[in-house]
Amino acid sequence: MTTATLEPKAISATPMNTTSSESNTSSVIDATKFAGMDSVVDSSEIEVDPTTHLPFLKNVHFNDFKISDGLKGRLSAAGFKTPTPVQAKAIPPALEGADILATASTGTGKTLSFLIPMIEHMDAISVPSTKGKRGPIRALILLPTRELAMQVLEAYAKLVPNAKNDAVLVVGGLSENTQLDQLGRGPRLVVATPGRLEDFLRRRAVNINSVEMLVLDEVDRMLDMGFLPAIRRIVGALPRTRQTMCYSATLDANVREVVRDYVRNPVRVEIGQTSHPCEQVELRACTVMADQKLGLLDQMLREETGTFLVFSRTKHGADRISKKLERLGHDVDVIHGDRSQSQRTAALKGFSTGKHRVLVATDVAARGIDVQDIAHVVNYDLPNGSDDFVHRIGRTGRAGATGVATTFVMPQERSDARKMERELKVKFGWREADKNLEKEERNKPLDVSNTGNDLLSLETRSWKSGDASAQTQARNIGTSPYKGSNGNGFRSRAGAGGPSAGRSAGSRGRSTSSRPGSSRTGPARRGQ
């Protein structure tokens, strides 16, 4: 494959105008004129639809692309009239068979930018069927989460009438037998997460040695989630002569090292500054004490309109925030890694349809959130780094709309927040929380009039989860949850009497250390 001498702007600034007869008979692909070229979208090329708030490239329409009349009709019926910038830049070279390496944030229309060339290729170039054998898998899309995979399959179904038997979802958390049965019917497309697909490959339950097109979507997130070994094994089972399209929000050294092994002379498509916060998002930072965060969030929900996506650092924290907001009268749901697939799907559906105004999420779970028109993103807990911050607030201000991102900053975290400002080259709108906000009671003592069952539950919770707060509450009551206690909330020392004094923590798989005159009162606290 040779490198063309075209100027980069010629890739898609000049649309491909063809007749339907040309588009239906173009089985010979000439990717050389696009290979190795760059396609950077300038802001002057972009306009925003005042009705839908979607960005689009000036003077470019789906009808300008070299695709069949049937696909054009289905795009129109689905409401797709003008392509977004990433679609306008990536689709033409992809239709010509060129590999694509694109950096674009979520919500810019990436899905259609690879589905349209994929559908057109599979429809235009048929594979002869062998009597008694089902057709081979011709296209593979890898994504980091089940939710994203489901959304891609839904988009595919809008453009392919018989998508039920034509495409299969291969992900964890759903029925394995159903997926194996569907794979046995010979689908053209597999949309998968790396973990489940690798498992099927290891068991020889799926054959991907006829795949012609590979899409790696959200490569940076798949690497963050530890999928690199699985991706390498999957790609190693694919034919070398294939078309590959890689999409990532960022293109750091790690991503570059991975994708360079998979693409050949790719067309480089860059949409905006994806490693920086979107310009349509208003960035706020509010200094607040830890015990007044809930009060501040409650105040925001009562004073401002629109939907809220709230980020918690831990799964335990997400559950706690959700339950307390519900008690305050807000419509809220939660999504994190410990919830079942059906619970996560229901939470996303409830949030996207407006049933729940608030969705509380952890970072990993939120990677599958693709919901339009989120008005507010709240960093209840400060993100771990700049990349996580960009990813979080990227859930709002999408597709040309505006949004607000508020970060709660405790006084001791102010230097970390300032460092984030410098790294991202942005300025937060700083403000102070109302000092009179109600304070959250995190370690409220139990009602001593009914201590029996409550203490038993505290004992169970403290041993199972290493919940130090439960142990603290038990001590505050003035009686011990342990048999043979000495009355101060601690277990009696060995030899002090009581049937539990000699109970071995080893029976629970825990080790204890003995020192003269002291003993361990419980297991070490586990990380949340």
Protein backbone atom coordinates (compact mmCIF):
# COMPACT_ATOMS: atom_id res chain seq x y z
CA MET A 1 0.00 0.00 0.00
CA THR A 2 1.53 3.31 -1.08
CA THR A 3 1.10 6.74 0.43
CA ALA A 4 -0.92 9.15 -1.64
CA THR A 5 0.15 12.69 -2.47
CA LEU A 6 -3.30 14.23 -1.92
CA GLU A 7 -3.57 17.11 0.48
CA PRO A 8 -5.25 16.09 3.78
CA LYS A 9 -8.19 18.41 3.20
CA ALA A 10 -9.11 16.47 0.09
CA ILE A 11 -10.09 13.43 2.13
CA SER A 12 -13.58 14.52 2.99
CA ALA A 13 -13.89 18.26 2.62
CA THR A 14 -14.88 17.45 -0.95
CA PRO A 15 -17.79 15.00 -0.77
CA MET A 16 -17.98 11.92 -2.98
CA ASN A 17 -20.83 12.51 -5.41
CA THR A 18 -21.81 9.31 -7.20
CA THR A 19 -24.79 7.80 -8.89
CA SER A 20 -26.56 4.79 -7.47
CA SER A 21 -25.25 2.57 -10.24
CA GLU A 22 -21.68 3.48 -9.31
CA SER A 23 -22.25 2.84 -5.62
CA ASN A 24 -23.79 -0.58 -6.20
CA THR A 25 -21.02 -1.85 -8.47
CA SER A 26 -17.95 -0.52 -6.68
CA SER A 27 -16.53 -3.85 -5.53
CA VAL A 28 -12.94 -2.87 -6.36
CA ILE A 29 -11.48 -0.83 -3.50
CA ASP A 30 -8.78 1.76 -4.05
CA ALA A 31 -7.56 2.73 -0.59
CA THR A 32 -4.18 4.01 -1.78
CA LYS A 33 -5.45 7.52 -2.40
CA PHE A 34 -6.38 7.82 1.29
CA ALA A 35 -3.64 5.81 2.96
CA GLY A 36 -1.53 7.59 5.54
CA MET A 37 -3.43 10.85 5.25
CA ASP A 38 -4.57 13.10 8.09
CA SER A 39 -8.02 14.62 8.43
CA VAL A 40 -8.28 17.28 11.12
CA VAL A 41 -11.60 19.07 11.46
CA ASP A 42 -11.37 22.84 11.81
CA SER A 43 -14.05 24.61 13.83
CA SER A 44 -14.84 26.84 10.84
CA GLU A 45 -16.09 23.75 8.98
CA ILE A 46 -18.67 22.90 11.65
CA GLU A 47 -22.18 24.22 12.16
CA VAL A 48 -24.76 23.25 14.77
CA ASP A 49 -28.35 22.36 13.94
CA PRO A 50 -30.49 24.82 15.96
CA THR A 51 -33.24 22.23 16.38
CA THR A 52 -31.32 19.07 17.28
CA HIS A 53 -28.17 20.83 18.60
CA LEU A 54 -26.12 18.29 16.62
CA PRO A 55 -22.91 19.46 14.95
CA PHE A 56 -22.53 18.83 11.24
CA LEU A 57 -20.04 19.59 8.50
CA LYS A 58 -21.04 22.34 6.10
CA ASN A 59 -22.38 21.22 2.71
CA VAL A 60 -22.00 17.49 3.42
CA HIS A 61 -24.91 15.03 3.43
CA PHE A 62 -25.25 11.26 3.73
CA ASN A 63 -26.56 11.20 0.16
CA ASP A 64 -23.14 12.46 -0.99
CA PHE A 65 -21.42 9.26 0.13
CA LYS A 66 -20.78 6.28 -2.09
CA ILE A 67 -23.42 4.07 -0.50
CA SER A 68 -26.39 2.20 -1.89
CA ASP A 69 -29.80 3.78 -2.31
CA GLY A 70 -31.20 1.25 0.13
CA LEU A 71 -28.83 2.30 2.90
CA LYS A 72 -29.46 5.97 2.12
CA GLY A 73 -33.18 5.34 2.52
CA ARG A 74 -32.73 3.56 5.84
CA LEU A 75 -30.53 6.39 7.14
CA SER A 76 -33.18 8.91 6.18
CA ALA A 77 -35.95 6.82 7.76
CA ALA A 78 -33.93 6.64 10.99
CA GLY A 79 -33.64 10.44 11.04
CA PHE A 80 -30.02 10.76 9.90
CA LYS A 81 -29.76 13.60 7.37
CA THR A 82 -26.39 15.28 7.80
CA PRO A 83 -23.22 13.61 9.11
CA THR A 84 -21.39 14.76 12.21
CA PRO A 85 -17.73 15.80 11.71
CA VAL A 86 -16.29 12.40 12.61
CA GLN A 87 -18.75 10.71 10.25
CA ALA A 88 -18.00 13.13 7.42
CA LYS A 89 -14.25 12.61 7.79
CA ALA A 90 -14.10 8.88 8.49
CA ILE A 91 -16.80 7.38 6.27
CA PRO A 92 -15.41 8.25 2.79
CA PRO A 93 -11.94 6.70 3.31
CA ALA A 94 -13.47 3.77 5.19
CA LEU A 95 -15.77 3.10 2.24
CA GLU A 96 -12.64 2.89 0.09
CA GLY A 97 -11.17 0.24 2.37
CA ALA A 98 -8.61 2.38 4.22
CA ASP A 99 -7.74 1.71 7.86
CA ILE A 100 -8.96 4.45 10.23
CA LEU A 101 -7.33 5.83 13.36
CA ALA A 102 -9.67 8.38 14.92
CA THR A 103 -9.64 10.40 18.10
CA ALA A 104 -13.08 11.64 19.04
CA SER A 105 -14.94 11.83 22.31
CA THR A 106 -18.10 9.91 23.11
CA GLY A 107 -21.24 11.49 21.70
CA THR A 108 -19.67 12.68 18.43
CA GLY A 109 -21.30 10.05 16.25
CA LYS A 110 -18.50 7.47 16.14
CA THR A 111 -20.89 4.52 15.90
CA LEU A 112 -22.34 5.44 12.51
CA SER A 113 -18.88 6.32 11.20
CA PHE A 114 -17.93 2.65 11.31
CA LEU A 115 -21.35 0.99 10.92
CA ILE A 116 -22.11 2.65 7.57
CA PRO A 117 -18.90 1.44 5.82
CA MET A 118 -19.32 -1.97 7.45
CA ILE A 119 -22.91 -2.43 6.29
CA GLU A 120 -22.16 -1.13 2.81
CA HIS A 121 -19.19 -3.47 2.41
CA MET A 122 -21.06 -6.56 3.58
CA ASP A 123 -24.09 -5.77 1.39
CA ALA A 124 -22.08 -4.88 -1.72
CA ILE A 125 -19.68 -7.83 -1.60
CA SER A 126 -21.55 -11.04 -0.90
CA VAL A 127 -19.89 -14.22 0.28
CA PRO A 128 -20.88 -17.40 -1.61
CA SER A 129 -22.73 -19.77 0.69
CA THR A 130 -21.73 -23.40 0.97
CA LYS A 131 -24.54 -25.94 0.96
CA GLY A 132 -25.25 -27.18 4.44
CA LYS A 133 -23.00 -24.58 6.08
CA ARG A 134 -23.83 -21.26 7.65
CA GLY A 135 -22.16 -18.05 6.55
CA PRO A 136 -18.94 -16.88 8.27
CA ILE A 137 -18.56 -13.99 10.70
CA ARG A 138 -17.43 -11.11 8.49
CA ALA A 139 -17.21 -8.17 10.91
CA LEU A 140 -16.20 -7.79 14.56
CA ILE A 141 -16.67 -4.80 16.88
CA LEU A 142 -14.90 -4.78 20.26
CA LEU A 143 -15.99 -2.38 23.02
CA PRO A 144 -15.14 -2.03 26.72
CA THR A 145 -18.60 -2.49 28.27
CA ARG A 146 -21.85 -4.37 27.83
CA GLU A 147 -23.85 -1.15 27.73
CA LEU A 148 -21.83 0.27 24.82
CA ALA A 149 -22.09 -3.04 22.97
CA MET A 150 -25.86 -3.03 23.39
CA GLN A 151 -26.10 0.53 22.10
CA VAL A 152 -24.04 -0.33 19.00
CA LEU A 153 -26.29 -3.31 18.31
CA GLU A 154 -29.37 -1.09 18.64
CA ALA A 155 -27.91 1.37 16.12
CA TYR A 156 -27.14 -1.51 13.75
CA ALA A 157 -30.73 -2.74 14.04
CA LYS A 158 -32.01 0.63 12.82
CA LEU A 159 -30.06 0.26 9.58
CA VAL A 160 -30.37 -3.48 8.94
CA PRO A 161 -33.93 -4.89 8.76
CA ASN A 162 -32.99 -8.49 9.70
CA ALA A 163 -30.50 -7.55 12.40
CA LYS A 164 -31.93 -10.12 14.83
CA ASN A 165 -30.30 -13.02 12.99
CA ASP A 166 -27.60 -10.95 11.30
CA ALA A 167 -25.75 -9.68 14.38
CA VAL A 168 -24.95 -11.24 17.76
CA LEU A 169 -24.09 -9.69 21.10
CA VAL A 170 -21.24 -11.52 22.89
CA VAL A 171 -20.80 -10.06 26.38
CA GLY A 172 -20.56 -11.15 29.99
CA GLY A 173 -23.52 -10.89 32.33
CA LEU A 174 -26.03 -12.30 29.82
CA SER A 175 -27.04 -15.86 28.98
CA GLU A 176 -24.07 -17.75 27.61
CA ASN A 177 -26.22 -20.47 26.03
CA THR A 178 -28.31 -17.91 24.16
CA GLN A 179 -25.19 -16.28 22.72
CA LEU A 180 -23.73 -19.63 21.66
CA ASP A 181 -27.02 -20.58 20.01
CA GLN A 182 -27.10 -17.27 18.10
CA LEU A 183 -23.48 -17.70 17.01
CA GLY A 184 -24.41 -21.09 15.63
CA ARG A 185 -26.88 -19.44 13.24
CA GLY A 186 -24.09 -17.83 11.24
CA PRO A 187 -24.31 -14.05 11.85
CA ARG A 188 -22.34 -11.61 9.73
CA LEU A 189 -21.52 -9.30 12.66
CA VAL A 190 -20.38 -9.92 16.22
CA VAL A 191 -20.46 -7.06 18.74
CA ALA A 192 -18.46 -8.10 21.79
CA THR A 193 -16.56 -7.24 24.92
CA PRO A 194 -13.04 -8.76 24.94
CA GLY A 195 -13.46 -10.95 28.03
CA ARG A 196 -16.42 -13.04 26.88
CA LEU A 197 -15.20 -13.32 23.28
CA GLU A 198 -11.78 -14.50 24.40
CA ASP A 199 -13.46 -17.13 26.57
CA PHE A 200 -15.45 -18.42 23.58
CA LEU A 201 -12.30 -18.49 21.46
CA ARG A 202 -10.44 -20.48 24.09
CA ARG A 203 -13.25 -23.04 24.09
CA ARG A 204 -13.40 -23.01 20.27
CA ALA A 205 -17.04 -21.96 20.45
CA VAL A 206 -16.62 -19.23 17.82
CA ASN A 207 -14.65 -18.94 14.58
CA ILE A 208 -13.40 -15.50 13.54
CA ASN A 209 -10.84 -16.49 10.89
CA SER A 210 -13.01 -15.03 8.10
CA VAL A 211 -13.44 -11.54 9.60
CA GLU A 212 -12.93 -8.83 6.97
CA MET A 213 -13.50 -5.74 9.12
CA LEU A 214 -12.42 -5.08 12.72
CA VAL A 215 -13.47 -2.12 14.87
CA LEU A 216 -11.75 -1.33 18.17
CA ASP A 217 -13.90 1.30 19.86
CA GLU A 218 -12.82 3.25 22.96
CA VAL A 219 -9.36 1.72 22.84
CA ASP A 220 -8.11 3.86 25.73
CA ARG A 221 -10.87 2.61 28.01
CA MET A 222 -10.29 -1.02 27.06
CA LEU A 223 -6.64 -0.59 28.04
CA ASP A 224 -7.64 1.09 31.32
CA MET A 225 -9.84 -1.91 32.12
CA GLY A 226 -7.02 -4.39 31.55
CA PHE A 227 -8.26 -5.89 28.28
CA LEU A 228 -4.96 -5.63 26.40
CA PRO A 229 -3.99 -9.33 26.73
CA ALA A 230 -7.46 -10.41 25.57
CA ILE A 231 -7.36 -7.98 22.64
CA ARG A 232 -3.99 -9.29 21.54
CA ARG A 233 -5.20 -12.89 21.57
CA ILE A 234 -8.39 -11.99 19.70
CA VAL A 235 -6.59 -9.99 17.00
CA GLY A 236 -4.07 -12.81 16.69
CA ALA A 237 -6.92 -15.11 15.61
CA LEU A 238 -8.04 -12.72 12.84
CA PRO A 239 -6.84 -12.71 9.21
CA ARG A 240 -3.99 -10.31 8.50
CA THR A 241 -5.70 -9.07 5.36
CA ARG A 242 -8.53 -7.12 6.91
CA GLN A 243 -9.69 -3.53 7.33
CA THR A 244 -9.24 -2.10 10.84
CA MET A 245 -10.83 0.99 12.37
CA CYS A 246 -9.62 2.20 15.78
CA TYR A 247 -11.38 4.86 17.85
CA SER A 248 -10.09 6.41 21.06
CA ALA A 249 -10.83 9.49 23.14
CA THR A 250 -7.09 10.02 23.59
CA LEU A 251 -4.01 8.94 21.70
CA ASP A 252 -1.33 8.69 24.35
CA ALA A 253 1.80 6.55 24.14
CA ASN A 254 0.06 3.40 25.37
CA VAL A 255 -2.70 3.65 22.80
CA ARG A 256 -0.24 4.41 20.00
CA GLU A 257 1.84 1.38 20.90
CA VAL A 258 -1.19 -0.89 20.66
CA VAL A 259 -2.86 0.43 17.53
CA ARG A 260 0.32 0.62 15.47
CA ASP A 261 0.36 -3.18 15.44
CA TYR A 262 -3.17 -3.36 14.06
CA VAL A 263 -3.53 -0.65 11.42
CA ARG A 264 -1.67 -0.14 8.13
CA ASN A 265 -1.11 3.38 6.79
CA PRO A 266 -4.27 4.58 8.52
CA VAL A 267 -6.25 7.69 7.73
CA ARG A 268 -5.86 9.84 10.84
CA VAL A 269 -9.12 11.55 11.83
CA GLU A 270 -8.99 14.04 14.70
CA ILE A 271 -12.12 15.73 15.99
CA GLY A 272 -11.39 18.60 18.36
CA GLN A 273 -9.13 18.42 21.40
CA THR A 274 -10.34 15.19 22.94
CA SER A 275 -7.88 15.30 25.83
CA HIS A 276 -9.42 18.53 27.11
CA PRO A 277 -12.86 19.35 28.53
CA CYS A 278 -15.52 20.27 25.99
CA GLU A 279 -15.87 24.00 25.49
CA GLN A 280 -19.66 23.74 25.82
CA VAL A 281 -19.36 22.63 29.45
CA GLU A 282 -19.30 25.21 32.23
CA LEU A 283 -16.73 24.10 34.81
CA ARG A 284 -17.47 24.85 38.45
CA ALA A 285 -15.60 23.94 41.63
CA CYS A 286 -17.23 24.27 45.02
CA THR A 287 -15.31 24.12 48.28
CA VAL A 288 -17.35 22.10 50.75
CA MET A 289 -16.83 20.12 53.94
CA ALA A 290 -17.20 16.33 53.68
CA ASP A 291 -20.30 16.20 55.88
CA GLN A 292 -22.04 18.92 53.82
CA LYS A 293 -21.61 17.37 50.37
CA LEU A 294 -25.02 15.69 50.52
CA GLY A 295 -26.65 18.94 51.61
CA LEU A 296 -25.00 20.80 48.74
CA LEU A 297 -26.15 18.21 46.20
CA ASP A 298 -29.68 18.34 47.60
CA GLN A 299 -29.61 22.13 47.31
CA MET A 300 -28.47 21.95 43.66
CA LEU A 301 -31.19 19.45 42.80
CA ARG A 302 -33.85 21.71 44.28
CA GLU A 303 -32.58 24.95 42.75
CA GLU A 304 -31.53 23.82 39.26
CA THR A 305 -33.33 22.04 36.45
CA GLY A 306 -32.33 19.10 34.28
CA THR A 307 -30.87 15.67 34.84
CA PHE A 308 -27.88 14.96 37.09
CA LEU A 309 -25.14 12.35 36.70
CA VAL A 310 -23.28 12.05 40.03
CA PHE A 311 -19.87 10.37 40.26
CA SER A 312 -18.73 8.54 43.38
CA ARG A 313 -15.24 7.10 43.85
CA THR A 314 -16.49 3.82 45.35
CA LYS A 315 -19.39 1.39 44.93
CA HIS A 316 -20.23 1.68 48.62
CA GLY A 317 -20.29 5.46 48.33
CA ALA A 318 -22.54 5.33 45.25
CA ASP A 319 -25.07 3.16 47.12
CA ARG A 320 -25.00 5.45 50.15
CA ILE A 321 -25.51 8.63 48.09
CA SER A 322 -28.35 7.03 46.14
CA LYS A 323 -30.23 5.83 49.23
CA LYS A 324 -29.89 9.15 51.03
CA LEU A 325 -31.03 11.16 48.00
CA GLU A 326 -34.03 8.87 47.74
CA ARG A 327 -34.90 9.56 51.37
CA LEU A 328 -34.71 13.28 50.57
CA GLY A 329 -37.41 12.83 47.93
CA HIS A 330 -35.37 12.65 44.70
CA ASP A 331 -35.93 10.18 41.86
CA VAL A 332 -32.59 8.39 41.74
CA ASP A 333 -30.95 5.14 40.64
CA VAL A 334 -27.41 3.80 40.88
CA ILE A 335 -25.04 1.94 38.57
CA HIS A 336 -21.78 0.21 39.50
CA GLY A 337 -19.90 -3.04 39.02
CA ASP A 338 -21.68 -4.98 41.78
CA ARG A 339 -25.11 -4.52 40.22
CA SER A 340 -26.46 -7.22 37.92
CA GLN A 341 -26.74 -6.65 34.19
CA SER A 342 -30.53 -6.36 34.41
CA GLN A 343 -30.21 -3.75 37.17
CA ARG A 344 -27.67 -1.75 35.18
CA THR A 345 -29.79 -1.89 32.04
CA ALA A 346 -32.89 -0.81 33.96
CA ALA A 347 -30.98 2.05 35.61
CA LEU A 348 -29.72 3.36 32.27
CA LYS A 349 -33.16 3.05 30.69
CA GLY A 350 -34.83 4.81 33.61
CA PHE A 351 -32.31 7.64 33.47
CA SER A 352 -32.44 8.08 29.68
CA THR A 353 -36.26 8.06 29.58
CA GLY A 354 -36.60 10.54 32.43
CA LYS A 355 -38.02 8.10 34.98
CA HIS A 356 -35.07 8.92 37.23
CA ARG A 357 -33.69 12.43 37.32
CA VAL A 358 -30.47 11.42 39.07
CA LEU A 359 -28.06 8.60 38.29
CA VAL A 360 -25.21 7.90 40.73
CA ALA A 361 -22.30 6.02 39.15
CA THR A 362 -18.71 4.91 39.58
CA ASP A 363 -16.09 5.60 36.91
CA VAL A 364 -15.90 2.09 35.46
CA ALA A 365 -19.67 1.64 35.24
CA ALA A 366 -20.12 5.08 33.68
CA ARG A 367 -17.99 4.11 30.68
CA GLY A 368 -21.07 2.49 29.23
CA ILE A 369 -23.30 5.54 29.68
CA ASP A 370 -24.36 7.03 26.35
CA VAL A 371 -27.32 9.23 27.27
CA GLN A 372 -28.20 12.44 25.50
CA ASP A 373 -29.11 15.73 27.16
CA ILE A 374 -27.50 15.24 30.58
CA ALA A 375 -27.65 18.74 32.05
CA HIS A 376 -25.31 18.37 35.04
CA VAL A 377 -22.35 16.23 35.96
CA VAL A 378 -21.37 16.33 39.63
CA ASN A 379 -18.01 15.06 40.84
CA TYR A 380 -19.18 14.19 44.35
CA ASP A 381 -15.69 12.80 44.93
CA LEU A 382 -12.64 14.32 43.25
CA PRO A 383 -11.54 12.13 40.30
CA ASN A 384 -8.22 10.31 40.51
CA GLY A 385 -6.66 12.22 37.63
CA SER A 386 -7.14 14.55 34.69
CA ASP A 387 -8.11 11.78 32.28
CA ASP A 388 -10.88 10.60 34.61
CA PHE A 389 -12.06 14.20 34.97
CA VAL A 390 -12.32 14.64 31.18
CA HIS A 391 -14.11 11.32 30.85
CA ARG A 392 -16.61 12.19 33.58
CA ILE A 393 -17.61 15.61 32.33
CA GLY A 394 -17.71 14.33 28.76
CA ARG A 395 -21.13 12.88 29.64
CA THR A 396 -22.61 16.39 29.36
CA GLY A 397 -22.26 19.11 26.73
CA ARG A 398 -22.42 16.50 23.99
CA ALA A 399 -23.34 16.85 20.33
CA GLY A 400 -23.22 20.64 20.48
CA ALA A 401 -25.40 21.01 23.58
CA THR A 402 -24.32 22.91 26.68
CA GLY A 403 -23.85 21.49 30.15
CA VAL A 404 -22.54 22.13 33.65
CA ALA A 405 -19.90 20.15 35.54
CA THR A 406 -19.52 20.82 39.26
CA THR A 407 -16.67 19.36 41.30
CA PHE A 408 -16.98 19.13 45.07
CA VAL A 409 -13.60 20.03 46.61
CA MET A 410 -12.86 19.56 50.28
CA PRO A 411 -10.43 22.13 51.76
CA GLN A 412 -7.58 19.61 51.88
CA GLU A 413 -8.16 18.78 48.17
CA ARG A 414 -7.87 22.33 46.86
CA SER A 415 -4.26 21.86 45.75
CA ASP A 416 -5.22 18.73 43.79
CA ALA A 417 -8.01 20.61 42.04
CA ARG A 418 -5.66 23.50 41.20
CA LYS A 419 -3.19 21.00 39.77
CA MET A 420 -5.96 19.62 37.55
CA GLU A 421 -6.68 23.11 36.29
CA ARG A 422 -3.03 23.53 35.28
CA GLU A 423 -2.79 20.13 33.62
CA LEU A 424 -5.95 20.66 31.56
CA LYS A 425 -5.28 24.36 30.99
CA VAL A 426 -8.74 25.33 32.19
CA LYS A 427 -10.20 27.62 34.83
CA PHE A 428 -12.88 26.51 37.25
CA GLY A 429 -15.53 28.90 38.45
CA TRP A 430 -14.72 28.68 42.16
CA ARG A 431 -17.34 29.19 44.85
CA GLU A 432 -17.87 28.39 48.53
CA ALA A 433 -20.67 26.19 49.81
CA ASP A 434 -23.17 27.71 52.23
CA LYS A 435 -21.79 27.22 55.75
CA ASN A 436 -25.36 26.70 57.02
CA LEU A 437 -26.00 23.60 54.92
CA GLU A 438 -27.31 20.65 56.88
CA LYS A 439 -24.56 18.29 58.00
CA GLU A 440 -24.79 14.61 57.22
CA GLU A 441 -24.67 12.26 60.21
CA ARG A 442 -22.36 9.51 59.02
CA ASN A 443 -21.86 7.69 62.39
CA LYS A 444 -25.11 8.22 64.24
CA PRO A 445 -25.37 6.04 67.40
CA LEU A 446 -28.01 3.32 67.46
CA ASP A 447 -31.20 3.50 69.47
CA VAL A 448 -30.18 1.76 72.71
CA SER A 449 -33.79 0.77 73.39
CA ASN A 450 -33.57 -1.90 70.70
CA THR A 451 -29.97 -2.99 70.66
CA GLY A 452 -30.29 -6.75 70.31
CA ASN A 453 -30.95 -7.20 66.59
CA ASP A 454 -29.13 -4.02 65.66
CA LEU A 455 -25.97 -5.13 67.42
CA LEU A 456 -26.12 -8.51 65.76
CA SER A 457 -26.35 -6.88 62.35
CA LEU A 458 -23.47 -4.56 63.25
CA GLU A 459 -21.36 -7.54 64.30
CA THR A 460 -22.07 -9.28 60.99
CA ARG A 461 -21.40 -6.16 58.93
CA SER A 462 -18.16 -5.31 60.71
CA TRP A 463 -16.72 -8.81 60.30
CA LYS A 464 -17.86 -9.33 56.68
CA SER A 465 -16.94 -5.96 55.26
CA GLY A 466 -14.33 -4.70 57.69
CA ASP A 467 -16.63 -1.75 58.35
CA ALA A 468 -14.77 0.27 60.95
CA SER A 469 -17.73 2.62 61.36
CA ALA A 470 -19.91 -0.32 62.47
CA GLN A 471 -17.36 -1.24 65.11
CA THR A 472 -17.17 2.38 66.25
CA GLN A 473 -20.97 2.58 66.56
CA ALA A 474 -21.03 -0.60 68.58
CA ARG A 475 -18.48 0.82 71.02
CA ASN A 476 -20.53 4.02 71.36
CA ILE A 477 -23.45 2.02 72.73
CA GLY A 478 -21.42 0.97 75.71
CA THR A 479 -22.03 -2.77 75.33
CA SER A 480 -20.01 -5.24 73.35
CA PRO A 481 -21.38 -7.16 70.35
CA TYR A 482 -19.01 -10.00 71.27
CA LYS A 483 -19.75 -12.75 73.76
CA GLY A 484 -17.51 -12.60 76.77
CA SER A 485 -16.80 -8.91 76.38
CA ASN A 486 -15.40 -6.81 79.16
CA GLY A 487 -18.12 -4.18 78.84
CA ASN A 488 -16.15 -1.58 76.92
CA GLY A 489 -16.96 -2.79 73.39
CA PHE A 490 -13.81 -4.86 72.95
CA ARG A 491 -13.39 -8.62 73.04
CA SER A 492 -11.91 -9.98 76.27
CA ARG A 493 -8.33 -11.16 76.13
CA ALA A 494 -7.58 -14.85 75.85
CA GLY A 495 -8.02 -16.48 79.20
CA ALA A 496 -10.39 -13.79 80.45
CA GLY A 497 -13.33 -16.12 80.12
CA GLY A 498 -16.28 -16.41 77.75
CA PRO A 499 -16.87 -19.01 75.11
CA SER A 500 -15.76 -16.77 72.27
CA ALA A 501 -12.49 -15.71 73.80
CA GLY A 502 -10.59 -18.52 72.19
CA ARG A 503 -12.44 -18.47 68.85
CA SER A 504 -9.94 -18.63 66.03
CA ALA A 505 -10.10 -16.01 63.30
CA GLY A 506 -8.31 -18.53 61.13
CA SER A 507 -11.64 -20.29 60.57
CA ARG A 508 -12.58 -17.26 58.52
CA GLY A 509 -9.39 -17.29 56.53
CA ARG A 510 -7.95 -14.35 58.50
CA SER A 511 -4.71 -14.17 60.40
CA THR A 512 -4.31 -12.51 63.78
CA SER A 513 -1.30 -11.37 65.70
CA SER A 514 -0.90 -11.82 69.45
CA ARG A 515 0.85 -9.43 71.73
CA PRO A 516 1.08 -9.60 75.53
CA GLY A 517 -1.94 -7.94 77.03
CA SER A 518 -3.74 -7.23 73.78
CA SER A 519 -5.68 -8.89 70.99
CA ARG A 520 -7.10 -8.04 67.60
CA THR A 521 -10.71 -6.89 67.77
CA GLY A 522 -11.56 -7.64 64.15
CA PRO A 523 -10.20 -7.99 60.64
CA ALA A 524 -8.27 -5.26 58.88
CA ARG A 525 -10.41 -2.83 56.92
CA ARG A 526 -10.64 -3.75 53.29
CA GLY A 527 -10.41 -1.29 50.46
CA GLN A 528 -13.76 -0.10 49.18
